[in-house]
Amino acid sequence: HRGLLPASEASATRVTLLRESPFIDHAEDGCPQL
């Protein structure tokens, strides 16, 4: 089993996953309603 998870730090010696699932409003990127 393998899958990708978001991390705040990911190195060969230490991986720290994000504590919360990010919800992103892409209006800041010029894509409102995405």
PDB file of all heavy atoms in Angstrom:
ATOM      1  N   HIS A   1       0.840  -1.186   0.000  1.00  0.00           N
ATOM      2  CA  HIS A   1       0.000   0.000   0.000  1.00  0.00           C
ATOM      3  C   HIS A   1       0.874   1.235   0.000  1.00  0.00           C
ATOM      4  O   HIS A   1       1.830   1.317   0.773  1.00  0.00           O
ATOM      5  CB  HIS A   1      -0.881   0.042   1.262  1.00  0.00           C
ATOM      6  CG  HIS A   1      -2.032  -0.910   1.213  1.00  0.00           C
ATOM      7  ND1 HIS A   1      -2.766  -1.237   2.320  1.00  0.00           N
ATOM      8  CD2 HIS A   1      -2.591  -1.590   0.178  1.00  0.00           C
ATOM      9  CE1 HIS A   1      -3.728  -2.093   1.992  1.00  0.00           C
ATOM     10  NE2 HIS A   1      -3.633  -2.317   0.692  1.00  0.00           N
ATOM     11  N   ARG A   2       0.544   2.211  -0.822  1.00  0.00           N
ATOM     12  CA  ARG A   2       1.286   3.466  -0.817  1.00  0.00           C
ATOM     13  C   ARG A   2       0.344   4.601  -1.214  1.00  0.00           C
ATOM     14  O   ARG A   2      -0.573   4.415  -2.026  1.00  0.00           O
ATOM     15  CB  ARG A   2       2.488   3.429  -1.745  1.00  0.00           C
ATOM     16  CG  ARG A   2       2.174   3.349  -3.236  1.00  0.00           C
ATOM     17  CD  ARG A   2       1.954   1.930  -3.683  1.00  0.00           C
ATOM     18  NE  ARG A   2       1.879   1.775  -5.126  1.00  0.00           N
ATOM     19  CZ  ARG A   2       1.535   0.646  -5.720  1.00  0.00           C
ATOM     20  NH1 ARG A   2       1.212  -0.431  -5.013  1.00  0.00           N
ATOM     21  NH2 ARG A   2       1.501   0.558  -7.036  1.00  0.00           N
ATOM     22  N   GLY A   3       0.581   5.780  -0.634  1.00  0.00           N
ATOM     23  CA  GLY A   3      -0.218   6.949  -0.958  1.00  0.00           C
ATOM     24  C   GLY A   3       0.506   8.202  -0.510  1.00  0.00           C
ATOM     25  O   GLY A   3       1.385   8.155   0.357  1.00  0.00           O
ATOM     26  N   LEU A   4       0.121   9.339  -1.090  1.00  0.00           N
ATOM     27  CA  LEU A   4       0.757  10.608  -0.770  1.00  0.00           C
ATOM     28  C   LEU A   4      -0.054  11.383   0.260  1.00  0.00           C
ATOM     29  O   LEU A   4      -1.280  11.476   0.153  1.00  0.00           O
ATOM     30  CB  LEU A   4       0.913  11.464  -2.037  1.00  0.00           C
ATOM     31  CG  LEU A   4       1.919  10.965  -3.071  1.00  0.00           C
ATOM     32  CD1 LEU A   4       1.961  11.907  -4.264  1.00  0.00           C
ATOM     33  CD2 LEU A   4       3.302  10.828  -2.457  1.00  0.00           C
ATOM     34  N   LEU A   5       0.651  11.926   1.251  1.00  0.00           N
ATOM     35  CA  LEU A   5       0.027  12.732   2.293  1.00  0.00           C
ATOM     36  C   LEU A   5       0.756  14.064   2.403  1.00  0.00           C
ATOM     37  O   LEU A   5       1.979  14.130   2.242  1.00  0.00           O
ATOM     38  CB  LEU A   5       0.077  12.002   3.646  1.00  0.00           C
ATOM     39  CG  LEU A   5      -0.699  10.685   3.727  1.00  0.00           C
ATOM     40  CD1 LEU A   5      -0.464  10.019   5.085  1.00  0.00           C
ATOM     41  CD2 LEU A   5      -2.184  10.913   3.498  1.00  0.00           C
ATOM     42  N   PRO A   6       0.024  15.156   2.690  1.00  0.00           N
ATOM     43  CA  PRO A   6       0.665  16.467   2.804  1.00  0.00           C
ATOM     44  C   PRO A   6       1.468  16.579   4.093  1.00  0.00           C
ATOM     45  O   PRO A   6       1.037  16.126   5.152  1.00  0.00           O
ATOM     46  CB  PRO A   6      -0.519  17.436   2.801  1.00  0.00           C
ATOM     47  CG  PRO A   6      -1.656  16.637   3.347  1.00  0.00           C
ATOM     48  CD  PRO A   6      -1.433  15.227   2.875  1.00  0.00           C
ATOM     49  N   ALA A   7       2.652  17.182   3.999  1.00  0.00           N
ATOM     50  CA  ALA A   7       3.555  17.277   5.136  1.00  0.00           C
ATOM     51  C   ALA A   7       4.087  18.693   5.269  1.00  0.00           C
ATOM     52  O   ALA A   7       4.247  19.413   4.284  1.00  0.00           O
ATOM     53  CB  ALA A   7       4.717  16.299   4.975  1.00  0.00           C
ATOM     54  N   SER A   8       4.370  19.085   6.499  1.00  0.00           N
ATOM     55  CA  SER A   8       5.038  20.362   6.747  1.00  0.00           C
ATOM     56  C   SER A   8       6.542  20.201   6.672  1.00  0.00           C
ATOM     57  O   SER A   8       7.281  21.157   6.431  1.00  0.00           O
ATOM     58  CB  SER A   8       4.641  20.916   8.118  1.00  0.00           C
ATOM     59  OG  SER A   8       4.996  19.993   9.144  1.00  0.00           O
ATOM     60  N   GLU A   9       7.007  18.965   6.875  1.00  0.00           N
ATOM     61  CA  GLU A   9       8.426  18.659   6.790  1.00  0.00           C
ATOM     62  C   GLU A   9       8.571  17.231   6.286  1.00  0.00           C
ATOM     63  O   GLU A   9       7.887  16.323   6.760  1.00  0.00           O
ATOM     64  CB  GLU A   9       9.094  18.793   8.160  1.00  0.00           C
ATOM     65  CG  GLU A   9      10.566  18.433   8.173  1.00  0.00           C
ATOM     66  CD  GLU A   9      11.170  18.485   9.570  1.00  0.00           C
ATOM     67  OE1 GLU A   9      10.421  18.753  10.530  1.00  0.00           O
ATOM     68  OE2 GLU A   9      12.391  18.241   9.691  1.00  0.00           O
ATOM     69  N   ALA A  10       9.436  17.038   5.317  1.00  0.00           N
ATOM     70  CA  ALA A  10       9.651  15.696   4.771  1.00  0.00           C
ATOM     71  C   ALA A  10      11.101  15.576   4.342  1.00  0.00           C
ATOM     72  O   ALA A  10      11.514  16.105   3.310  1.00  0.00           O
ATOM     73  CB  ALA A  10       8.719  15.428   3.586  1.00  0.00           C
ATOM     74  N   SER A  11      11.891  14.894   5.158  1.00  0.00           N
ATOM     75  CA  SER A  11      13.296  14.664   4.858  1.00  0.00           C
ATOM     76  C   SER A  11      13.603  13.200   5.093  1.00  0.00           C
ATOM     77  O   SER A  11      12.750  12.428   5.557  1.00  0.00           O
ATOM     78  CB  SER A  11      14.188  15.540   5.741  1.00  0.00           C
ATOM     79  OG  SER A  11      14.115  15.117   7.094  1.00  0.00           O
ATOM     80  N   ALA A  12      14.829  12.805   4.809  1.00  0.00           N
ATOM     81  CA  ALA A  12      15.215  11.408   4.974  1.00  0.00           C
ATOM     82  C   ALA A  12      15.182  10.972   6.427  1.00  0.00           C
ATOM     83  O   ALA A  12      15.065   9.782   6.727  1.00  0.00           O
ATOM     84  CB  ALA A  12      16.605  11.195   4.391  1.00  0.00           C
ATOM     85  N   THR A  13      15.291  11.943   7.352  1.00  0.00           N
ATOM     86  CA  THR A  13      15.341  11.594   8.776  1.00  0.00           C
ATOM     87  C   THR A  13      14.065  11.937   9.524  1.00  0.00           C
ATOM     88  O   THR A  13      13.846  11.438  10.620  1.00  0.00           O
ATOM     89  CB  THR A  13      16.516  12.315   9.458  1.00  0.00           C
ATOM     90  OG1 THR A  13      16.363  13.736   9.274  1.00  0.00           O
ATOM     91  CG2 THR A  13      17.840  11.860   8.863  1.00  0.00           C
ATOM     92  N   ARG A  14      13.206  12.767   8.939  1.00  0.00           N
ATOM     93  CA  ARG A  14      12.026  13.198   9.685  1.00  0.00           C
ATOM     94  C   ARG A  14      10.909  13.580   8.725  1.00  0.00           C
ATOM     95  O   ARG A  14      11.138  14.296   7.752  1.00  0.00           O
ATOM     96  CB  ARG A  14      12.361  14.386  10.583  1.00  0.00           C
ATOM     97  CG  ARG A  14      11.193  14.891  11.425  1.00  0.00           C
ATOM     98  CD  ARG A  14      11.627  16.062  12.290  1.00  0.00           C
ATOM     99  NE  ARG A  14      10.535  16.611  13.069  1.00  0.00           N
ATOM    100  CZ  ARG A  14      10.140  16.149  14.247  1.00  0.00           C
ATOM    101  NH1 ARG A  14      10.768  15.112  14.774  1.00  0.00           N
ATOM    102  NH2 ARG A  14       9.139  16.699  14.898  1.00  0.00           N
ATOM    103  N   VAL A  15       9.714  13.089   9.007  1.00  0.00           N
ATOM    104  CA  VAL A  15       8.518  13.469   8.264  1.00  0.00           C
ATOM    105  C   VAL A  15       7.463  13.918   9.262  1.00  0.00           C
ATOM    106  O   VAL A  15       7.144  13.191  10.212  1.00  0.00           O
ATOM    107  CB  VAL A  15       7.982  12.296   7.413  1.00  0.00           C
ATOM    108  CG1 VAL A  15       6.624  12.656   6.817  1.00  0.00           C
ATOM    109  CG2 VAL A  15       8.967  11.929   6.307  1.00  0.00           C
ATOM    110  N   THR A  16       6.933  15.131   9.057  1.00  0.00           N
ATOM    111  CA  THR A  16       5.875  15.650   9.917  1.00  0.00           C
ATOM    112  C   THR A  16       4.672  15.971   9.050  1.00  0.00           C
ATOM    113  O   THR A  16       4.719  16.887   8.212  1.00  0.00           O
ATOM    114  CB  THR A  16       6.335  16.924  10.659  1.00  0.00           C
ATOM    115  OG1 THR A  16       7.533  16.632  11.399  1.00  0.00           O
ATOM    116  CG2 THR A  16       5.251  17.408  11.606  1.00  0.00           C
ATOM    117  N   LEU A  17       3.606  15.213   9.219  1.00  0.00           N
ATOM    118  CA  LEU A  17       2.393  15.456   8.438  1.00  0.00           C
ATOM    119  C   LEU A  17       1.692  16.708   8.932  1.00  0.00           C
ATOM    120  O   LEU A  17       1.811  17.100  10.099  1.00  0.00           O
ATOM    121  CB  LEU A  17       1.445  14.256   8.549  1.00  0.00           C
ATOM    122  CG  LEU A  17       1.964  12.912   8.046  1.00  0.00           C
ATOM    123  CD1 LEU A  17       0.896  11.847   8.228  1.00  0.00           C
ATOM    124  CD2 LEU A  17       2.391  12.989   6.588  1.00  0.00           C
ATOM    125  N   LEU A  18       0.953  17.353   8.031  1.00  0.00           N
ATOM    126  CA  LEU A  18       0.117  18.466   8.448  1.00  0.00           C
ATOM    127  C   LEU A  18      -0.910  17.981   9.457  1.00  0.00           C
ATOM    128  O   LEU A  18      -1.417  16.854   9.370  1.00  0.00           O
ATOM    129  CB  LEU A  18      -0.591  19.084   7.242  1.00  0.00           C
ATOM    130  CG  LEU A  18       0.282  19.763   6.182  1.00  0.00           C
ATOM    131  CD1 LEU A  18      -0.595  20.380   5.101  1.00  0.00           C
ATOM    132  CD2 LEU A  18       1.176  20.817   6.801  1.00  0.00           C
ATOM    133  N   ARG A  19      -1.238  18.813  10.421  1.00  0.00           N
ATOM    134  CA  ARG A  19      -2.180  18.406  11.459  1.00  0.00           C
ATOM    135  C   ARG A  19      -3.623  18.488  10.977  1.00  0.00           C
ATOM    136  O   ARG A  19      -4.483  17.748  11.449  1.00  0.00           O
ATOM    137  CB  ARG A  19      -1.994  19.288  12.694  1.00  0.00           C
ATOM    138  CG  ARG A  19      -0.705  19.000  13.463  1.00  0.00           C
ATOM    139  CD  ARG A  19      -0.543  19.948  14.631  1.00  0.00           C
ATOM    140  NE  ARG A  19      -1.704  19.918  15.513  1.00  0.00           N
ATOM    141  CZ  ARG A  19      -1.948  20.821  16.457  1.00  0.00           C
ATOM    142  NH1 ARG A  19      -1.109  21.834  16.638  1.00  0.00           N
ATOM    143  NH2 ARG A  19      -3.012  20.716  17.221  1.00  0.00           N
ATOM    144  N   GLU A  20      -3.918  19.404  10.065  1.00  0.00           N
ATOM    145  CA  GLU A  20      -5.273  19.555   9.551  1.00  0.00           C
ATOM    146  C   GLU A  20      -5.263  19.459   8.033  1.00  0.00           C
ATOM    147  O   GLU A  20      -4.272  19.782   7.387  1.00  0.00           O
ATOM    148  CB  GLU A  20      -5.867  20.899   9.983  1.00  0.00           C
ATOM    149  CG  GLU A  20      -6.108  21.020  11.478  1.00  0.00           C
ATOM    150  CD  GLU A  20      -6.839  22.300  11.832  1.00  0.00           C
ATOM    151  OE1 GLU A  20      -7.049  23.135  10.917  1.00  0.00           O
ATOM    152  OE2 GLU A  20      -7.209  22.473  12.998  1.00  0.00           O
ATOM    153  N   SER A  21      -6.380  19.055   7.482  1.00  0.00           N
ATOM    154  CA  SER A  21      -6.519  18.950   6.031  1.00  0.00           C
ATOM    155  C   SER A  21      -6.752  20.336   5.446  1.00  0.00           C
ATOM    156  O   SER A  21      -7.768  20.968   5.742  1.00  0.00           O
ATOM    157  CB  SER A  21      -7.699  18.031   5.681  1.00  0.00           C
ATOM    158  OG  SER A  21      -7.477  16.726   6.185  1.00  0.00           O
ATOM    159  N   PRO A  22      -5.832  20.836   4.617  1.00  0.00           N
ATOM    160  CA  PRO A  22      -5.977  22.195   4.092  1.00  0.00           C
ATOM    161  C   PRO A  22      -7.178  22.327   3.159  1.00  0.00           C
ATOM    162  O   PRO A  22      -7.373  21.505   2.256  1.00  0.00           O
ATOM    163  CB  PRO A  22      -4.676  22.432   3.326  1.00  0.00           C
ATOM    164  CG  PRO A  22      -3.729  21.386   3.812  1.00  0.00           C
ATOM    165  CD  PRO A  22      -4.558  20.218   4.192  1.00  0.00           C
ATOM    166  N   PHE A  23      -7.972  23.380   3.386  1.00  0.00           N
ATOM    167  CA  PHE A  23      -9.042  23.767   2.477  1.00  0.00           C
ATOM    168  C   PHE A  23      -8.609  25.078   1.827  1.00  0.00           C
ATOM    169  O   PHE A  23      -8.368  26.067   2.512  1.00  0.00           O
ATOM    170  CB  PHE A  23     -10.364  23.946   3.218  1.00  0.00           C
ATOM    171  CG  PHE A  23     -11.506  24.344   2.315  1.00  0.00           C
ATOM    172  CD1 PHE A  23     -12.189  23.388   1.586  1.00  0.00           C
ATOM    173  CD2 PHE A  23     -11.882  25.674   2.180  1.00  0.00           C
ATOM    174  CE1 PHE A  23     -13.233  23.742   0.745  1.00  0.00           C
ATOM    175  CE2 PHE A  23     -12.922  26.034   1.340  1.00  0.00           C
ATOM    176  CZ  PHE A  23     -13.600  25.070   0.621  1.00  0.00           C
ATOM    177  N   ILE A  24      -8.459  25.067   0.519  1.00  0.00           N
ATOM    178  CA  ILE A  24      -7.841  26.182  -0.189  1.00  0.00           C
ATOM    179  C   ILE A  24      -8.857  26.828  -1.128  1.00  0.00           C
ATOM    180  O   ILE A  24      -9.484  26.146  -1.956  1.00  0.00           O
ATOM    181  CB  ILE A  24      -6.619  25.703  -0.999  1.00  0.00           C
ATOM    182  CG1 ILE A  24      -5.623  24.993  -0.078  1.00  0.00           C
ATOM    183  CG2 ILE A  24      -5.940  26.879  -1.712  1.00  0.00           C
ATOM    184  CD1 ILE A  24      -4.525  24.268  -0.820  1.00  0.00           C
ATOM    185  N   ASP A  25      -9.009  28.148  -1.012  1.00  0.00           N
ATOM    186  CA  ASP A  25      -9.832  28.940  -1.919  1.00  0.00           C
ATOM    187  C   ASP A  25      -8.901  29.515  -2.984  1.00  0.00           C
ATOM    188  O   ASP A  25      -8.048  30.354  -2.690  1.00  0.00           O
ATOM    189  CB  ASP A  25     -10.527  30.057  -1.147  1.00  0.00           C
ATOM    190  CG  ASP A  25     -11.465  30.877  -2.018  1.00  0.00           C
ATOM    191  OD1 ASP A  25     -11.392  30.751  -3.254  1.00  0.00           O
ATOM    192  OD2 ASP A  25     -12.252  31.676  -1.466  1.00  0.00           O
ATOM    193  N   HIS A  26      -9.062  29.080  -4.217  1.00  0.00           N
ATOM    194  CA  HIS A  26      -8.149  29.491  -5.270  1.00  0.00           C
ATOM    195  C   HIS A  26      -8.524  30.830  -5.902  1.00  0.00           C
ATOM    196  O   HIS A  26      -7.933  31.212  -6.926  1.00  0.00           O
ATOM    197  CB  HIS A  26      -8.062  28.406  -6.338  1.00  0.00           C
ATOM    198  CG  HIS A  26      -7.372  27.165  -5.863  1.00  0.00           C
ATOM    199  ND1 HIS A  26      -6.026  27.120  -5.605  1.00  0.00           N
ATOM    200  CD2 HIS A  26      -7.858  25.932  -5.552  1.00  0.00           C
ATOM    201  CE1 HIS A  26      -5.692  25.911  -5.185  1.00  0.00           C
ATOM    202  NE2 HIS A  26      -6.791  25.175  -5.139  1.00  0.00           N
ATOM    203  N   ALA A  27      -9.443  31.561  -5.281  1.00  0.00           N
ATOM    204  CA  ALA A  27      -9.696  32.929  -5.726  1.00  0.00           C
ATOM    205  C   ALA A  27      -8.416  33.756  -5.621  1.00  0.00           C
ATOM    206  O   ALA A  27      -8.173  34.663  -6.430  1.00  0.00           O
ATOM    207  CB  ALA A  27     -10.811  33.561  -4.883  1.00  0.00           C
ATOM    208  N   GLU A  28      -7.583  33.427  -4.618  1.00  0.00           N
ATOM    209  CA  GLU A  28      -6.304  34.126  -4.464  1.00  0.00           C
ATOM    210  C   GLU A  28      -5.391  33.890  -5.654  1.00  0.00           C
ATOM    211  O   GLU A  28      -4.454  34.663  -5.889  1.00  0.00           O
ATOM    212  CB  GLU A  28      -5.609  33.668  -3.182  1.00  0.00           C
ATOM    213  CG  GLU A  28      -6.405  33.917  -1.924  1.00  0.00           C
ATOM    214  CD  GLU A  28      -5.693  33.379  -0.693  1.00  0.00           C
ATOM    215  OE1 GLU A  28      -4.445  33.339  -0.694  1.00  0.00           O
ATOM    216  OE2 GLU A  28      -6.389  32.996   0.268  1.00  0.00           O
ATOM    217  N   ASP A  29      -5.620  32.826  -6.402  1.00  0.00           N
ATOM    218  CA  ASP A  29      -4.807  32.498  -7.572  1.00  0.00           C
ATOM    219  C   ASP A  29      -5.470  32.950  -8.870  1.00  0.00           C
ATOM    220  O   ASP A  29      -5.034  32.561  -9.955  1.00  0.00           O
ATOM    221  CB  ASP A  29      -4.580  30.981  -7.646  1.00  0.00           C
ATOM    222  CG  ASP A  29      -3.945  30.432  -6.393  1.00  0.00           C
ATOM    223  OD1 ASP A  29      -2.907  30.969  -5.973  1.00  0.00           O
ATOM    224  OD2 ASP A  29      -4.501  29.468  -5.826  1.00  0.00           O
ATOM    225  N   GLY A  30      -6.535  33.714  -8.735  1.00  0.00           N
ATOM    226  CA  GLY A  30      -7.245  34.156  -9.920  1.00  0.00           C
ATOM    227  C   GLY A  30      -8.242  33.155 -10.443  1.00  0.00           C
ATOM    228  O   GLY A  30      -8.663  33.239 -11.606  1.00  0.00           O
ATOM    229  N   CYS A  31      -8.640  32.192  -9.595  1.00  0.00           N
ATOM    230  CA  CYS A  31      -9.612  31.168 -10.004  1.00  0.00           C
ATOM    231  C   CYS A  31     -10.778  31.141  -9.020  1.00  0.00           C
ATOM    232  O   CYS A  31     -10.932  30.172  -8.251  1.00  0.00           O
ATOM    233  CB  CYS A  31      -8.955  29.798 -10.079  1.00  0.00           C
ATOM    234  SG  CYS A  31      -7.657  29.651 -11.310  1.00  0.00           S
ATOM    235  N   PRO A  32     -11.614  32.190  -8.977  1.00  0.00           N
ATOM    236  CA  PRO A  32     -12.737  32.186  -8.041  1.00  0.00           C
ATOM    237  C   PRO A  32     -13.695  31.026  -8.302  1.00  0.00           C
ATOM    238  O   PRO A  32     -13.928  30.638  -9.444  1.00  0.00           O
ATOM    239  CB  PRO A  32     -13.414  33.541  -8.277  1.00  0.00           C
ATOM    240  CG  PRO A  32     -12.929  33.999  -9.608  1.00  0.00           C
ATOM    241  CD  PRO A  32     -11.576  33.408  -9.797  1.00  0.00           C
ATOM    242  N   GLN A  33     -14.209  30.476  -7.229  1.00  0.00           N
ATOM    243  CA  GLN A  33     -15.129  29.326  -7.223  1.00  0.00           C
ATOM    244  C   GLN A  33     -14.424  28.005  -7.518  1.00  0.00           C
ATOM    245  O   GLN A  33     -15.090  26.995  -7.735  1.00  0.00           O
ATOM    246  CB  GLN A  33     -16.317  29.529  -8.164  1.00  0.00           C
ATOM    247  CG  GLN A  33     -17.185  30.729  -7.787  1.00  0.00           C
ATOM    248  CD  GLN A  33     -17.670  30.670  -6.338  1.00  0.00           C
ATOM    249  OE1 GLN A  33     -17.131  31.339  -5.461  1.00  0.00           O
ATOM    250  NE2 GLN A  33     -18.700  29.875  -6.088  1.00  0.00           N
ATOM    251  N   LEU A  34     -13.080  28.001  -7.466  1.00  0.00           N
ATOM    252  CA  LEU A  34     -12.316  26.767  -7.483  1.00  0.00           C
ATOM    253  C   LEU A  34     -11.705  26.568  -6.106  1.00  0.00           C
ATOM    254  O   LEU A  34     -11.081  27.488  -5.567  1.00  0.00           O
ATOM    255  CB  LEU A  34     -11.211  26.819  -8.539  1.00  0.00           C
ATOM    256  CG  LEU A  34     -10.265  25.599  -8.588  1.00  0.00           C
ATOM    257  CD1 LEU A  34     -11.018  24.349  -9.034  1.00  0.00           C
ATOM    258  CD2 LEU A  34      -9.074  25.870  -9.511  1.00  0.00           C
TER     259      LEU A  34
END
